[in-house]
């Protein structure tokens, strides 16, 4: 009888342990419950994965040489569906890998700033995205859309499909989640920065994706002081041929009091996490 009681007690204790672990597992905070912004290390290029409450958006996809990197990264994150793909502008270091992404996952909406750019990288992007999804769209300036519990506002460009000014027709997005915010700039240079500020756009942010890989042509003082970011992320390749980031841009970021200047060439992929109030980040290296 005593042996039977001991067995029953052991079973009861085991059940309590399992129930306790289950309660911890299902109540613990996780990336699906909050906002994660992944600045993916694609070398000399841009690619940003945003995941909020189970919905996902990809901003750019790196160059052709890195076209395996982003699909592999999405797979590791368990992302099989994208609510949005944003091709900020048609240069290869932003759209080169998006054709591989379109073949690897399903997509709801694809936004681009241009449909008339005659390079193989851009043609491949349009061909594969159109085959997988349908027509691409130009997002309306000052329009907004939801991504889980986050709100994404389209600040620019104010005019689409403008030849020979592709950097300055980059799609620029401001994302807010609770009290935290991000500004995604593509390759926006100071001409588009001035255009957005003249239009009265709210560029304030906690985290700035530094325009044009830290080029001297981007991140002007007026934008930086209006944005007032605490952290800035520069996406660039180690030892790249352009010398990015340029010392002029780094100097302006420091002058503007940016506390954390992070670079994918030094830190690898960088992931910010927001619970709507506080921001934390981790780096690959």
C-alpha atoms as a PDB file:
ATOM      1  CA  UNK A   1       0.000   0.000   0.000  1.00  0.00           C
ATOM      2  CA  UNK A   2       2.847   2.385   0.938  1.00  0.00           C
ATOM      3  CA  UNK A   3       4.585   1.546  -2.313  1.00  0.00           C
ATOM      4  CA  UNK A   4       1.394   2.372  -4.242  1.00  0.00           C
ATOM      5  CA  UNK A   5       1.075   5.721  -2.437  1.00  0.00           C
ATOM      6  CA  UNK A   6       4.696   6.552  -3.265  1.00  0.00           C
ATOM      7  CA  UNK A   7       4.069   5.787  -6.941  1.00  0.00           C
ATOM      8  CA  UNK A   8       0.929   7.948  -6.968  1.00  0.00           C
ATOM      9  CA  UNK A   9       2.802  10.774  -5.240  1.00  0.00           C
ATOM     10  CA  UNK A  10       5.581  10.554  -7.815  1.00  0.00           C
ATOM     11  CA  UNK A  11       3.052  10.660 -10.663  1.00  0.00           C
ATOM     12  CA  UNK A  12       1.308  13.672  -9.086  1.00  0.00           C
ATOM     13  CA  UNK A  13       4.626  15.486  -8.677  1.00  0.00           C
ATOM     14  CA  UNK A  14       5.528  14.743 -12.294  1.00  0.00           C
ATOM     15  CA  UNK A  15       2.165  16.066 -13.491  1.00  0.00           C
ATOM     16  CA  UNK A  16       2.623  19.273 -11.495  1.00  0.00           C
ATOM     17  CA  UNK A  17       6.082  19.702 -13.011  1.00  0.00           C
ATOM     18  CA  UNK A  18       4.746  19.191 -16.542  1.00  0.00           C
ATOM     19  CA  UNK A  19       1.885  21.643 -15.926  1.00  0.00           C
ATOM     20  CA  UNK A  20       4.322  24.174 -14.508  1.00  0.00           C
ATOM     21  CA  UNK A  21       6.636  23.834 -17.515  1.00  0.00           C
ATOM     22  CA  UNK A  22       3.677  24.140 -19.887  1.00  0.00           C
ATOM     23  CA  UNK A  23       2.496  27.319 -18.152  1.00  0.00           C
ATOM     24  CA  UNK A  24       6.011  28.780 -18.354  1.00  0.00           C
ATOM     25  CA  UNK A  25       6.365  27.794 -22.012  1.00  0.00           C
ATOM     26  CA  UNK A  26       3.119  29.329 -23.193  1.00  0.00           C
ATOM     27  CA  UNK A  27       3.377  32.476 -21.057  1.00  0.00           C
ATOM     28  CA  UNK A  28       7.020  33.315 -21.743  1.00  0.00           C
ATOM     29  CA  UNK A  29       7.699  36.349 -23.962  1.00  0.00           C
ATOM     30  CA  UNK A  30       8.985  35.602 -27.441  1.00  0.00           C
ATOM     31  CA  UNK A  31       9.663  37.256 -30.792  1.00  0.00           C
ATOM     32  CA  UNK A  32       6.203  36.360 -32.108  1.00  0.00           C
ATOM     33  CA  UNK A  33       4.630  38.333 -29.247  1.00  0.00           C
ATOM     34  CA  UNK A  34       6.673  41.473 -29.898  1.00  0.00           C
ATOM     35  CA  UNK A  35       8.674  43.168 -32.647  1.00  0.00           C
ATOM     36  CA  UNK A  36      11.977  41.949 -34.063  1.00  0.00           C
ATOM     37  CA  UNK A  37      13.929  43.883 -36.690  1.00  0.00           C
ATOM     38  CA  UNK A  38      16.759  41.926 -38.326  1.00  0.00           C
ATOM     39  CA  UNK A  39      19.422  43.858 -40.207  1.00  0.00           C
ATOM     40  CA  UNK A  40      20.764  40.897 -42.181  1.00  0.00           C
ATOM     41  CA  UNK A  41      24.451  40.822 -43.071  1.00  0.00           C
ATOM     42  CA  UNK A  42      24.382  40.468 -46.859  1.00  0.00           C
ATOM     43  CA  UNK A  43      27.783  42.050 -47.475  1.00  0.00           C
ATOM     44  CA  UNK A  44      27.667  45.218 -49.565  1.00  0.00           C
ATOM     45  CA  UNK A  45      23.906  45.595 -49.763  1.00  0.00           C
ATOM     46  CA  UNK A  46      20.711  45.930 -47.739  1.00  0.00           C
ATOM     47  CA  UNK A  47      18.208  43.429 -46.405  1.00  0.00           C
ATOM     48  CA  UNK A  48      15.968  43.918 -43.378  1.00  0.00           C
ATOM     49  CA  UNK A  49      13.472  41.422 -41.984  1.00  0.00           C
ATOM     50  CA  UNK A  50      10.729  42.813 -39.743  1.00  0.00           C
ATOM     51  CA  UNK A  51       8.572  40.367 -37.758  1.00  0.00           C
ATOM     52  CA  UNK A  52       5.711  41.571 -35.547  1.00  0.00           C
ATOM     53  CA  UNK A  53       3.045  39.408 -33.920  1.00  0.00           C
ATOM     54  CA  UNK A  54       3.604  36.652 -36.463  1.00  0.00           C
ATOM     55  CA  UNK A  55       3.479  38.909 -39.553  1.00  0.00           C
ATOM     56  CA  UNK A  56       6.603  39.570 -41.614  1.00  0.00           C
ATOM     57  CA  UNK A  57       7.989  42.196 -44.007  1.00  0.00           C
ATOM     58  CA  UNK A  58      11.237  42.085 -45.968  1.00  0.00           C
ATOM     59  CA  UNK A  59      12.873  45.334 -47.040  1.00  0.00           C
ATOM     60  CA  UNK A  60      15.327  44.615 -49.894  1.00  0.00           C
ATOM     61  CA  UNK A  61      17.202  41.369 -50.508  1.00  0.00           C
ATOM     62  CA  UNK A  62      20.902  42.073 -50.994  1.00  0.00           C
ATOM     63  CA  UNK A  63      22.906  41.554 -54.183  1.00  0.00           C
ATOM     64  CA  UNK A  64      22.933  38.631 -56.623  1.00  0.00           C
ATOM     65  CA  UNK A  65      26.084  37.267 -55.011  1.00  0.00           C
ATOM     66  CA  UNK A  66      24.192  36.957 -51.723  1.00  0.00           C
ATOM     67  CA  UNK A  67      20.934  35.537 -53.086  1.00  0.00           C
ATOM     68  CA  UNK A  68      21.213  32.373 -50.959  1.00  0.00           C
ATOM     69  CA  UNK A  69      21.759  34.336 -47.748  1.00  0.00           C
ATOM     70  CA  UNK A  70      18.296  35.821 -47.314  1.00  0.00           C
ATOM     71  CA  UNK A  71      16.212  32.683 -48.113  1.00  0.00           C
ATOM     72  CA  UNK A  72      18.442  30.719 -45.716  1.00  0.00           C
ATOM     73  CA  UNK A  73      18.020  33.392 -43.061  1.00  0.00           C
ATOM     74  CA  UNK A  74      14.230  33.368 -43.490  1.00  0.00           C
ATOM     75  CA  UNK A  75      14.211  29.581 -43.162  1.00  0.00           C
ATOM     76  CA  UNK A  76      16.226  29.738 -39.926  1.00  0.00           C
ATOM     77  CA  UNK A  77      13.725  32.242 -38.546  1.00  0.00           C
ATOM     78  CA  UNK A  78      10.801  30.022 -39.487  1.00  0.00           C
ATOM     79  CA  UNK A  79       9.450  32.582 -41.981  1.00  0.00           C
ATOM     80  CA  UNK A  80       7.635  30.875 -44.855  1.00  0.00           C
ATOM     81  CA  UNK A  81       5.291  33.749 -45.727  1.00  0.00           C
ATOM     82  CA  UNK A  82       5.899  37.465 -46.160  1.00  0.00           C
ATOM     83  CA  UNK A  83       3.038  39.919 -45.829  1.00  0.00           C
ATOM     84  CA  UNK A  84       5.146  42.526 -47.639  1.00  0.00           C
ATOM     85  CA  UNK A  85       8.249  42.736 -49.777  1.00  0.00           C
ATOM     86  CA  UNK A  86       9.640  46.251 -50.196  1.00  0.00           C
ATOM     87  CA  UNK A  87      12.108  46.855 -53.026  1.00  0.00           C
ATOM     88  CA  UNK A  88      13.267  50.314 -52.012  1.00  0.00           C
ATOM     89  CA  UNK A  89      14.805  51.083 -55.416  1.00  0.00           C
ATOM     90  CA  UNK A  90      16.108  49.091 -58.404  1.00  0.00           C
ATOM     91  CA  UNK A  91      19.847  48.877 -57.714  1.00  0.00           C
ATOM     92  CA  UNK A  92      21.276  45.356 -57.675  1.00  0.00           C
ATOM     93  CA  UNK A  93      22.576  45.489 -54.096  1.00  0.00           C
ATOM     94  CA  UNK A  94      18.959  45.911 -52.950  1.00  0.00           C
ATOM     95  CA  UNK A  95      16.919  43.781 -55.391  1.00  0.00           C
ATOM     96  CA  UNK A  96      19.474  41.216 -56.578  1.00  0.00           C
ATOM     97  CA  UNK A  97      18.434  38.575 -54.053  1.00  0.00           C
ATOM     98  CA  UNK A  98      14.682  39.194 -54.117  1.00  0.00           C
ATOM     99  CA  UNK A  99      14.031  36.852 -57.042  1.00  0.00           C
ATOM    100  CA  UNK A 100      15.362  33.963 -54.907  1.00  0.00           C
ATOM    101  CA  UNK A 101      13.177  35.115 -52.005  1.00  0.00           C
ATOM    102  CA  UNK A 102      10.077  35.163 -54.236  1.00  0.00           C
ATOM    103  CA  UNK A 103      10.797  31.564 -55.232  1.00  0.00           C
ATOM    104  CA  UNK A 104      11.319  30.455 -51.616  1.00  0.00           C
ATOM    105  CA  UNK A 105       8.323  31.938 -49.766  1.00  0.00           C
ATOM    106  CA  UNK A 106       4.776  33.119 -50.445  1.00  0.00           C
ATOM    107  CA  UNK A 107       4.076  36.851 -50.552  1.00  0.00           C
ATOM    108  CA  UNK A 108       0.980  39.031 -50.227  1.00  0.00           C
ATOM    109  CA  UNK A 109       2.058  42.501 -51.371  1.00  0.00           C
ATOM    110  CA  UNK A 110       5.152  43.754 -53.213  1.00  0.00           C
ATOM    111  CA  UNK A 111       6.008  47.458 -53.231  1.00  0.00           C
ATOM    112  CA  UNK A 112       8.627  49.030 -55.489  1.00  0.00           C
ATOM    113  CA  UNK A 113       9.606  52.557 -56.493  1.00  0.00           C
ATOM    114  CA  UNK A 114      10.183  51.755 -60.162  1.00  0.00           C
ATOM    115  CA  UNK A 115       9.233  49.374 -62.961  1.00  0.00           C
ATOM    116  CA  UNK A 116      11.474  50.727 -65.739  1.00  0.00           C
ATOM    117  CA  UNK A 117      15.084  49.865 -64.951  1.00  0.00           C
ATOM    118  CA  UNK A 118      16.895  47.849 -67.589  1.00  0.00           C
ATOM    119  CA  UNK A 119      19.311  45.571 -65.737  1.00  0.00           C
ATOM    120  CA  UNK A 120      19.293  41.794 -65.448  1.00  0.00           C
ATOM    121  CA  UNK A 121      18.976  41.975 -61.645  1.00  0.00           C
ATOM    122  CA  UNK A 122      15.877  44.126 -61.822  1.00  0.00           C
ATOM    123  CA  UNK A 123      14.334  42.176 -64.706  1.00  0.00           C
ATOM    124  CA  UNK A 124      14.828  38.924 -62.766  1.00  0.00           C
ATOM    125  CA  UNK A 125      13.223  40.507 -59.711  1.00  0.00           C
ATOM    126  CA  UNK A 126      10.157  41.648 -61.690  1.00  0.00           C
ATOM    127  CA  UNK A 127       9.855  38.334 -63.539  1.00  0.00           C
ATOM    128  CA  UNK A 128      10.017  36.081 -60.487  1.00  0.00           C
ATOM    129  CA  UNK A 129       7.994  38.316 -58.178  1.00  0.00           C
ATOM    130  CA  UNK A 130       5.282  38.774 -60.800  1.00  0.00           C
ATOM    131  CA  UNK A 131       5.173  35.039 -61.493  1.00  0.00           C
ATOM    132  CA  UNK A 132       4.888  34.233 -57.783  1.00  0.00           C
ATOM    133  CA  UNK A 133       2.641  37.060 -56.687  1.00  0.00           C
ATOM    134  CA  UNK A 134       1.242  39.233 -59.457  1.00  0.00           C
ATOM    135  CA  UNK A 135       1.658  42.929 -60.168  1.00  0.00           C
ATOM    136  CA  UNK A 136       3.960  45.080 -58.070  1.00  0.00           C
ATOM    137  CA  UNK A 137       2.597  48.297 -56.575  1.00  0.00           C
ATOM    138  CA  UNK A 138       3.742  51.835 -55.805  1.00  0.00           C
ATOM    139  CA  UNK A 139       2.833  52.698 -52.196  1.00  0.00           C
ATOM    140  CA  UNK A 140       1.143  56.077 -51.774  1.00  0.00           C
ATOM    141  CA  UNK A 141       3.181  58.703 -49.897  1.00  0.00           C
ATOM    142  CA  UNK A 142       1.723  59.385 -46.427  1.00  0.00           C
ATOM    143  CA  UNK A 143      -0.243  56.116 -46.501  1.00  0.00           C
ATOM    144  CA  UNK A 144       0.044  53.571 -43.697  1.00  0.00           C
ATOM    145  CA  UNK A 145      -0.381  49.847 -43.269  1.00  0.00           C
ATOM    146  CA  UNK A 146      -0.294  47.459 -40.333  1.00  0.00           C
ATOM    147  CA  UNK A 147       2.211  44.722 -39.646  1.00  0.00           C
ATOM    148  CA  UNK A 148       0.929  42.832 -36.640  1.00  0.00           C
ATOM    149  CA  UNK A 149       0.709  45.432 -33.894  1.00  0.00           C
ATOM    150  CA  UNK A 150       3.091  47.820 -35.685  1.00  0.00           C
ATOM    151  CA  UNK A 151       2.155  50.708 -37.978  1.00  0.00           C
ATOM    152  CA  UNK A 152       4.250  51.380 -41.081  1.00  0.00           C
ATOM    153  CA  UNK A 153       3.991  54.805 -42.712  1.00  0.00           C
ATOM    154  CA  UNK A 154       5.253  55.512 -46.234  1.00  0.00           C
ATOM    155  CA  UNK A 155       7.189  58.801 -46.181  1.00  0.00           C
ATOM    156  CA  UNK A 156       8.721  58.685 -49.623  1.00  0.00           C
ATOM    157  CA  UNK A 157       9.453  58.910 -52.375  1.00  0.00           C
ATOM    158  CA  UNK A 158       7.077  61.723 -53.168  1.00  0.00           C
ATOM    159  CA  UNK A 159       7.438  60.898 -56.907  1.00  0.00           C
ATOM    160  CA  UNK A 160       7.971  57.439 -58.424  1.00  0.00           C
ATOM    161  CA  UNK A 161       9.877  56.013 -61.385  1.00  0.00           C
ATOM    162  CA  UNK A 162      12.177  59.003 -61.910  1.00  0.00           C
ATOM    163  CA  UNK A 163      15.144  58.082 -64.152  1.00  0.00           C
ATOM    164  CA  UNK A 164      18.710  58.870 -63.070  1.00  0.00           C
ATOM    165  CA  UNK A 165      17.733  59.695 -59.483  1.00  0.00           C
ATOM    166  CA  UNK A 166      17.114  56.168 -58.243  1.00  0.00           C
ATOM    167  CA  UNK A 167      18.793  56.601 -54.829  1.00  0.00           C
ATOM    168  CA  UNK A 168      16.580  59.608 -54.197  1.00  0.00           C
ATOM    169  CA  UNK A 169      13.451  57.707 -55.168  1.00  0.00           C
ATOM    170  CA  UNK A 170      14.053  55.123 -52.443  1.00  0.00           C
ATOM    171  CA  UNK A 171      10.964  53.966 -50.557  1.00  0.00           C
ATOM    172  CA  UNK A 172      11.347  55.390 -47.051  1.00  0.00           C
ATOM    173  CA  UNK A 173       9.326  53.864 -44.215  1.00  0.00           C
ATOM    174  CA  UNK A 174       8.752  54.821 -40.591  1.00  0.00           C
ATOM    175  CA  UNK A 175       7.642  51.979 -38.324  1.00  0.00           C
ATOM    176  CA  UNK A 176       6.157  52.509 -34.875  1.00  0.00           C
ATOM    177  CA  UNK A 177       5.476  49.818 -32.289  1.00  0.00           C
ATOM    178  CA  UNK A 178       4.173  51.139 -28.998  1.00  0.00           C
ATOM    179  CA  UNK A 179       6.622  53.816 -27.898  1.00  0.00           C
ATOM    180  CA  UNK A 180       9.455  52.606 -30.166  1.00  0.00           C
ATOM    181  CA  UNK A 181      10.171  53.573 -33.765  1.00  0.00           C
ATOM    182  CA  UNK A 182      12.429  52.805 -36.737  1.00  0.00           C
ATOM    183  CA  UNK A 183      13.264  54.765 -39.885  1.00  0.00           C
ATOM    184  CA  UNK A 184      14.180  52.707 -42.974  1.00  0.00           C
ATOM    185  CA  UNK A 185      15.816  54.825 -45.669  1.00  0.00           C
ATOM    186  CA  UNK A 186      17.034  52.624 -48.523  1.00  0.00           C
ATOM    187  CA  UNK A 187      19.713  54.620 -50.370  1.00  0.00           C
ATOM    188  CA  UNK A 188      18.077  57.991 -49.715  1.00  0.00           C
ATOM    189  CA  UNK A 189      20.543  60.852 -50.180  1.00  0.00           C
ATOM    190  CA  UNK A 190      20.344  64.408 -48.915  1.00  0.00           C
ATOM    191  CA  UNK A 191      18.128  65.597 -51.802  1.00  0.00           C
ATOM    192  CA  UNK A 192      15.338  63.201 -50.792  1.00  0.00           C
ATOM    193  CA  UNK A 193      15.999  63.897 -47.111  1.00  0.00           C
ATOM    194  CA  UNK A 194      15.308  67.586 -47.783  1.00  0.00           C
ATOM    195  CA  UNK A 195      12.212  66.737 -49.831  1.00  0.00           C
ATOM    196  CA  UNK A 196      10.699  64.677 -46.996  1.00  0.00           C
ATOM    197  CA  UNK A 197      11.468  67.330 -44.402  1.00  0.00           C
ATOM    198  CA  UNK A 198       9.992  70.081 -46.588  1.00  0.00           C
ATOM    199  CA  UNK A 199       6.841  67.948 -46.898  1.00  0.00           C
ATOM    200  CA  UNK A 200       6.573  67.892 -43.099  1.00  0.00           C
ATOM    201  CA  UNK A 201       7.200  64.151 -42.734  1.00  0.00           C
ATOM    202  CA  UNK A 202       7.753  62.838 -39.218  1.00  0.00           C
ATOM    203  CA  UNK A 203      11.207  61.246 -39.351  1.00  0.00           C
ATOM    204  CA  UNK A 204      11.721  60.877 -35.598  1.00  0.00           C
ATOM    205  CA  UNK A 205      12.991  57.447 -34.620  1.00  0.00           C
ATOM    206  CA  UNK A 206      14.831  55.433 -32.014  1.00  0.00           C
ATOM    207  CA  UNK A 207      16.702  53.413 -34.645  1.00  0.00           C
ATOM    208  CA  UNK A 208      17.864  54.815 -37.994  1.00  0.00           C
ATOM    209  CA  UNK A 209      18.854  52.606 -40.918  1.00  0.00           C
ATOM    210  CA  UNK A 210      21.608  54.858 -42.226  1.00  0.00           C
ATOM    211  CA  UNK A 211      21.013  55.839 -45.857  1.00  0.00           C
ATOM    212  CA  UNK A 212      23.171  54.558 -48.713  1.00  0.00           C
ATOM    213  CA  UNK A 213      25.430  52.326 -46.599  1.00  0.00           C
ATOM    214  CA  UNK A 214      26.911  55.298 -44.760  1.00  0.00           C
ATOM    215  CA  UNK A 215      27.802  57.289 -47.862  1.00  0.00           C
ATOM    216  CA  UNK A 216      28.860  60.922 -47.474  1.00  0.00           C
ATOM    217  CA  UNK A 217      25.922  61.852 -49.736  1.00  0.00           C
ATOM    218  CA  UNK A 218      23.413  60.738 -47.085  1.00  0.00           C
ATOM    219  CA  UNK A 219      22.633  61.404 -43.415  1.00  0.00           C
ATOM    220  CA  UNK A 220      22.680  65.188 -43.532  1.00  0.00           C
ATOM    221  CA  UNK A 221      22.652  67.177 -40.299  1.00  0.00           C
ATOM    222  CA  UNK A 222      19.069  68.354 -40.696  1.00  0.00           C
ATOM    223  CA  UNK A 223      17.722  64.808 -41.043  1.00  0.00           C
ATOM    224  CA  UNK A 224      19.800  63.555 -38.129  1.00  0.00           C
ATOM    225  CA  UNK A 225      18.700  66.343 -35.794  1.00  0.00           C
ATOM    226  CA  UNK A 226      15.045  65.926 -36.811  1.00  0.00           C
ATOM    227  CA  UNK A 227      15.215  62.141 -36.466  1.00  0.00           C
ATOM    228  CA  UNK A 228      17.234  62.207 -33.210  1.00  0.00           C
ATOM    229  CA  UNK A 229      17.958  58.451 -33.206  1.00  0.00           C
ATOM    230  CA  UNK A 230      19.567  56.707 -30.268  1.00  0.00           C
ATOM    231  CA  UNK A 231      20.953  53.952 -32.498  1.00  0.00           C
ATOM    232  CA  UNK A 232      21.993  53.815 -36.145  1.00  0.00           C
ATOM    233  CA  UNK A 233      22.677  50.757 -38.290  1.00  0.00           C
ATOM    234  CA  UNK A 234      24.971  50.825 -41.324  1.00  0.00           C
ATOM    235  CA  UNK A 235      24.665  47.925 -43.752  1.00  0.00           C
ATOM    236  CA  UNK A 236      27.893  47.503 -45.703  1.00  0.00           C
ATOM    237  CA  UNK A 237      30.432  44.879 -46.719  1.00  0.00           C
ATOM    238  CA  UNK A 238      33.850  44.444 -45.155  1.00  0.00           C
ATOM    239  CA  UNK A 239      36.529  46.124 -47.272  1.00  0.00           C
ATOM    240  CA  UNK A 240      33.991  47.253 -49.883  1.00  0.00           C
ATOM    241  CA  UNK A 241      35.202  49.105 -52.976  1.00  0.00           C
ATOM    242  CA  UNK A 242      33.204  52.261 -52.109  1.00  0.00           C
ATOM    243  CA  UNK A 243      34.890  52.938 -48.778  1.00  0.00           C
ATOM    244  CA  UNK A 244      31.532  52.779 -46.980  1.00  0.00           C
ATOM    245  CA  UNK A 245      30.880  54.050 -44.430  1.00  0.00           C
ATOM    246  CA  UNK A 246      32.489  57.391 -45.249  1.00  0.00           C
ATOM    247  CA  UNK A 247      34.111  59.376 -42.465  1.00  0.00           C
ATOM    248  CA  UNK A 248      31.867  62.391 -43.205  1.00  0.00           C
ATOM    249  CA  UNK A 249      28.714  60.388 -42.455  1.00  0.00           C
ATOM    250  CA  UNK A 250      30.242  58.842 -39.324  1.00  0.00           C
ATOM    251  CA  UNK A 251      31.269  62.292 -38.136  1.00  0.00           C
ATOM    252  CA  UNK A 252      27.759  63.657 -38.595  1.00  0.00           C
ATOM    253  CA  UNK A 253      26.268  60.693 -36.713  1.00  0.00           C
ATOM    254  CA  UNK A 254      28.625  61.356 -33.825  1.00  0.00           C
ATOM    255  CA  UNK A 255      27.916  65.104 -33.913  1.00  0.00           C
ATOM    256  CA  UNK A 256      24.181  64.334 -33.727  1.00  0.00           C
ATOM    257  CA  UNK A 257      24.729  62.381 -30.519  1.00  0.00           C
ATOM    258  CA  UNK A 258      23.863  58.911 -31.819  1.00  0.00           C
ATOM    259  CA  UNK A 259      24.825  56.653 -28.909  1.00  0.00           C
ATOM    260  CA  UNK A 260      25.094  53.342 -30.749  1.00  0.00           C
ATOM    261  CA  UNK A 261      26.518  53.167 -34.288  1.00  0.00           C
ATOM    262  CA  UNK A 262      26.358  49.557 -35.477  1.00  0.00           C
ATOM    263  CA  UNK A 263      27.778  48.114 -38.689  1.00  0.00           C
ATOM    264  CA  UNK A 264      27.085  44.788 -40.353  1.00  0.00           C
ATOM    265  CA  UNK A 265      30.682  44.628 -41.639  1.00  0.00           C
ATOM    266  CA  UNK A 266      31.843  44.604 -38.018  1.00  0.00           C
ATOM    267  CA  UNK A 267      28.983  42.942 -36.159  1.00  0.00           C
ATOM    268  CA  UNK A 268      27.352  40.643 -38.712  1.00  0.00           C
ATOM    269  CA  UNK A 269      23.561  40.504 -38.574  1.00  0.00           C
ATOM    270  CA  UNK A 270      22.024  42.830 -35.980  1.00  0.00           C
ATOM    271  CA  UNK A 271      18.644  42.144 -34.369  1.00  0.00           C
ATOM    272  CA  UNK A 272      16.618  44.716 -32.426  1.00  0.00           C
ATOM    273  CA  UNK A 273      13.816  43.561 -30.144  1.00  0.00           C
ATOM    274  CA  UNK A 274      11.011  45.814 -28.912  1.00  0.00           C
ATOM    275  CA  UNK A 275       8.287  45.031 -26.383  1.00  0.00           C
ATOM    276  CA  UNK A 276       6.641  48.333 -27.263  1.00  0.00           C
ATOM    277  CA  UNK A 277       8.423  50.197 -24.484  1.00  0.00           C
ATOM    278  CA  UNK A 278      12.080  49.201 -24.403  1.00  0.00           C
ATOM    279  CA  UNK A 279      14.566  48.320 -27.137  1.00  0.00           C
ATOM    280  CA  UNK A 280      17.369  45.783 -26.905  1.00  0.00           C
ATOM    281  CA  UNK A 281      19.689  44.425 -29.584  1.00  0.00           C
ATOM    282  CA  UNK A 282      22.011  41.507 -30.214  1.00  0.00           C
ATOM    283  CA  UNK A 283      24.774  41.109 -32.770  1.00  0.00           C
ATOM    284  CA  UNK A 284      26.012  38.039 -34.607  1.00  0.00           C
ATOM    285  CA  UNK A 285      29.691  38.606 -33.755  1.00  0.00           C
END
